[in-house]
């Protein structure tokens, strides 16, 4: 089956909008989240991952990736440690990159 593109949008759970509510637990989970995304990258599934840089309730992250089906896409999202361990809320969408600047190096 051909791989399809998907996007999941991540937002922090509301109580973590206040920096004072972060503990070592949440920081460790975010580290696991980053390593999870690196694993998707190594598998050739990750297209792009990043976040907005504003520090407010409106900040969010996105993960654009490849999966064989919407079911697999949902599993990938739900297996993200930040989602699985309740630090972030996520929603998955079918997606298609329309344009890409292959000279961009971040």
C-alpha atoms as a PDB file:
ATOM      1  CA  UNK A   1       0.000   0.000   0.000  1.00  0.00           C
ATOM      2  CA  UNK A   2       1.281   3.476  -0.867  1.00  0.00           C
ATOM      3  CA  UNK A   3       2.166   5.762   1.993  1.00  0.00           C
ATOM      4  CA  UNK A   4      -0.129   8.713   2.610  1.00  0.00           C
ATOM      5  CA  UNK A   5       0.634  12.022   4.276  1.00  0.00           C
ATOM      6  CA  UNK A   6      -0.882  13.027   7.600  1.00  0.00           C
ATOM      7  CA  UNK A   7      -0.510  15.856  10.087  1.00  0.00           C
ATOM      8  CA  UNK A   8      -1.120  15.836  13.785  1.00  0.00           C
ATOM      9  CA  UNK A   9      -1.515  19.053  15.719  1.00  0.00           C
ATOM     10  CA  UNK A  10      -0.321  19.142  19.319  1.00  0.00           C
ATOM     11  CA  UNK A  11      -1.348  21.503  22.086  1.00  0.00           C
ATOM     12  CA  UNK A  12      -0.317  21.472  25.719  1.00  0.00           C
ATOM     13  CA  UNK A  13      -2.877  20.373  28.265  1.00  0.00           C
ATOM     14  CA  UNK A  14      -4.305  23.607  29.752  1.00  0.00           C
ATOM     15  CA  UNK A  15      -2.623  23.405  33.168  1.00  0.00           C
ATOM     16  CA  UNK A  16       0.830  23.371  31.489  1.00  0.00           C
ATOM     17  CA  UNK A  17       0.329  26.814  29.954  1.00  0.00           C
ATOM     18  CA  UNK A  18       1.632  28.078  33.301  1.00  0.00           C
ATOM     19  CA  UNK A  19       5.393  27.415  33.494  1.00  0.00           C
ATOM     20  CA  UNK A  20       5.061  26.992  37.262  1.00  0.00           C
ATOM     21  CA  UNK A  21       3.111  23.757  36.743  1.00  0.00           C
ATOM     22  CA  UNK A  22       5.940  22.009  34.887  1.00  0.00           C
ATOM     23  CA  UNK A  23       7.812  19.334  36.824  1.00  0.00           C
ATOM     24  CA  UNK A  24      10.700  17.042  35.997  1.00  0.00           C
ATOM     25  CA  UNK A  25       8.090  14.485  34.866  1.00  0.00           C
ATOM     26  CA  UNK A  26       6.716  16.737  32.098  1.00  0.00           C
ATOM     27  CA  UNK A  27      10.206  17.774  31.011  1.00  0.00           C
ATOM     28  CA  UNK A  28      11.235  14.112  30.749  1.00  0.00           C
ATOM     29  CA  UNK A  29       8.124  13.282  28.722  1.00  0.00           C
ATOM     30  CA  UNK A  30       8.864  16.114  26.286  1.00  0.00           C
ATOM     31  CA  UNK A  31      12.355  14.645  25.895  1.00  0.00           C
ATOM     32  CA  UNK A  32      10.791  11.253  25.120  1.00  0.00           C
ATOM     33  CA  UNK A  33       8.479  13.002  22.635  1.00  0.00           C
ATOM     34  CA  UNK A  34      11.478  14.499  20.826  1.00  0.00           C
ATOM     35  CA  UNK A  35      13.252  11.136  20.697  1.00  0.00           C
ATOM     36  CA  UNK A  36      10.049   9.541  19.378  1.00  0.00           C
ATOM     37  CA  UNK A  37       9.975  12.064  16.529  1.00  0.00           C
ATOM     38  CA  UNK A  38      13.657  11.394  15.829  1.00  0.00           C
ATOM     39  CA  UNK A  39      12.774   7.700  15.583  1.00  0.00           C
ATOM     40  CA  UNK A  40      10.071   8.477  13.012  1.00  0.00           C
ATOM     41  CA  UNK A  41      12.670  10.490  11.118  1.00  0.00           C
ATOM     42  CA  UNK A  42      15.121   7.565  11.105  1.00  0.00           C
ATOM     43  CA  UNK A  43      12.335   5.269   9.848  1.00  0.00           C
ATOM     44  CA  UNK A  44      11.731   7.641   6.935  1.00  0.00           C
ATOM     45  CA  UNK A  45       8.199   8.461   8.146  1.00  0.00           C
ATOM     46  CA  UNK A  46       8.717  12.010   9.424  1.00  0.00           C
ATOM     47  CA  UNK A  47       8.432  14.823   6.882  1.00  0.00           C
ATOM     48  CA  UNK A  48       8.518  17.779   9.277  1.00  0.00           C
ATOM     49  CA  UNK A  49       7.995  18.558  12.952  1.00  0.00           C
ATOM     50  CA  UNK A  50       8.010  21.877  14.758  1.00  0.00           C
ATOM     51  CA  UNK A  51       6.143  24.294  16.947  1.00  0.00           C
ATOM     52  CA  UNK A  52       5.069  27.878  17.123  1.00  0.00           C
ATOM     53  CA  UNK A  53       7.357  30.045  19.222  1.00  0.00           C
ATOM     54  CA  UNK A  54       4.772  32.124  21.050  1.00  0.00           C
ATOM     55  CA  UNK A  55       4.432  31.415  24.751  1.00  0.00           C
ATOM     56  CA  UNK A  56       0.672  31.467  25.195  1.00  0.00           C
ATOM     57  CA  UNK A  57      -2.374  29.238  25.253  1.00  0.00           C
ATOM     58  CA  UNK A  58      -2.388  29.529  21.451  1.00  0.00           C
ATOM     59  CA  UNK A  59       0.974  27.831  20.886  1.00  0.00           C
ATOM     60  CA  UNK A  60       0.899  24.501  19.056  1.00  0.00           C
ATOM     61  CA  UNK A  61       3.113  21.973  17.341  1.00  0.00           C
ATOM     62  CA  UNK A  62       2.686  20.008  14.149  1.00  0.00           C
ATOM     63  CA  UNK A  63       4.042  16.694  12.948  1.00  0.00           C
ATOM     64  CA  UNK A  64       3.760  15.939   9.229  1.00  0.00           C
ATOM     65  CA  UNK A  65       4.419  12.291   8.520  1.00  0.00           C
ATOM     66  CA  UNK A  66       3.758   9.243   6.362  1.00  0.00           C
ATOM     67  CA  UNK A  67       1.540   6.278   7.211  1.00  0.00           C
ATOM     68  CA  UNK A  68      -0.152   3.490   5.293  1.00  0.00           C
ATOM     69  CA  UNK A  69      -3.650   4.343   6.562  1.00  0.00           C
ATOM     70  CA  UNK A  70      -5.599   6.666   8.783  1.00  0.00           C
ATOM     71  CA  UNK A  71      -5.636   3.879  11.386  1.00  0.00           C
ATOM     72  CA  UNK A  72      -1.829   3.706  11.388  1.00  0.00           C
ATOM     73  CA  UNK A  73      -1.627   7.518  11.468  1.00  0.00           C
ATOM     74  CA  UNK A  74      -3.818   7.594  14.560  1.00  0.00           C
ATOM     75  CA  UNK A  75      -1.656   4.909  16.209  1.00  0.00           C
ATOM     76  CA  UNK A  76       1.518   6.891  15.478  1.00  0.00           C
ATOM     77  CA  UNK A  77      -0.056   9.983  17.048  1.00  0.00           C
ATOM     78  CA  UNK A  78      -1.385   8.087  20.079  1.00  0.00           C
ATOM     79  CA  UNK A  79       2.010   6.414  20.644  1.00  0.00           C
ATOM     80  CA  UNK A  80       3.743   9.793  20.895  1.00  0.00           C
ATOM     81  CA  UNK A  81       4.830   9.888  24.562  1.00  0.00           C
ATOM     82  CA  UNK A  82       3.565  13.454  24.987  1.00  0.00           C
ATOM     83  CA  UNK A  83       0.089  12.318  23.930  1.00  0.00           C
ATOM     84  CA  UNK A  84       0.189   8.892  25.573  1.00  0.00           C
ATOM     85  CA  UNK A  85       1.320  10.337  28.916  1.00  0.00           C
ATOM     86  CA  UNK A  86      -1.111  13.273  28.944  1.00  0.00           C
ATOM     87  CA  UNK A  87       1.211  16.242  28.434  1.00  0.00           C
ATOM     88  CA  UNK A  88      -0.250  17.175  25.053  1.00  0.00           C
ATOM     89  CA  UNK A  89      -3.574  16.815  23.288  1.00  0.00           C
ATOM     90  CA  UNK A  90      -3.415  15.815  19.620  1.00  0.00           C
ATOM     91  CA  UNK A  91      -5.652  15.594  16.586  1.00  0.00           C
ATOM     92  CA  UNK A  92      -4.741  13.872  13.306  1.00  0.00           C
ATOM     93  CA  UNK A  93      -5.694  15.018   9.798  1.00  0.00           C
ATOM     94  CA  UNK A  94      -5.121  13.646   6.303  1.00  0.00           C
ATOM     95  CA  UNK A  95      -2.668  16.090   4.721  1.00  0.00           C
ATOM     96  CA  UNK A  96      -0.832  16.770   1.489  1.00  0.00           C
ATOM     97  CA  UNK A  97       2.262  18.922   1.087  1.00  0.00           C
ATOM     98  CA  UNK A  98       1.598  21.145  -1.930  1.00  0.00           C
ATOM     99  CA  UNK A  99       4.891  23.041  -2.106  1.00  0.00           C
ATOM    100  CA  UNK A 100       8.249  22.422  -0.519  1.00  0.00           C
ATOM    101  CA  UNK A 101      11.467  24.433  -0.519  1.00  0.00           C
ATOM    102  CA  UNK A 102      14.134  21.757  -0.786  1.00  0.00           C
ATOM    103  CA  UNK A 103      16.859  24.369  -0.168  1.00  0.00           C
ATOM    104  CA  UNK A 104      15.578  25.116   3.340  1.00  0.00           C
ATOM    105  CA  UNK A 105      17.909  23.818   6.036  1.00  0.00           C
ATOM    106  CA  UNK A 106      16.128  25.068   9.164  1.00  0.00           C
END
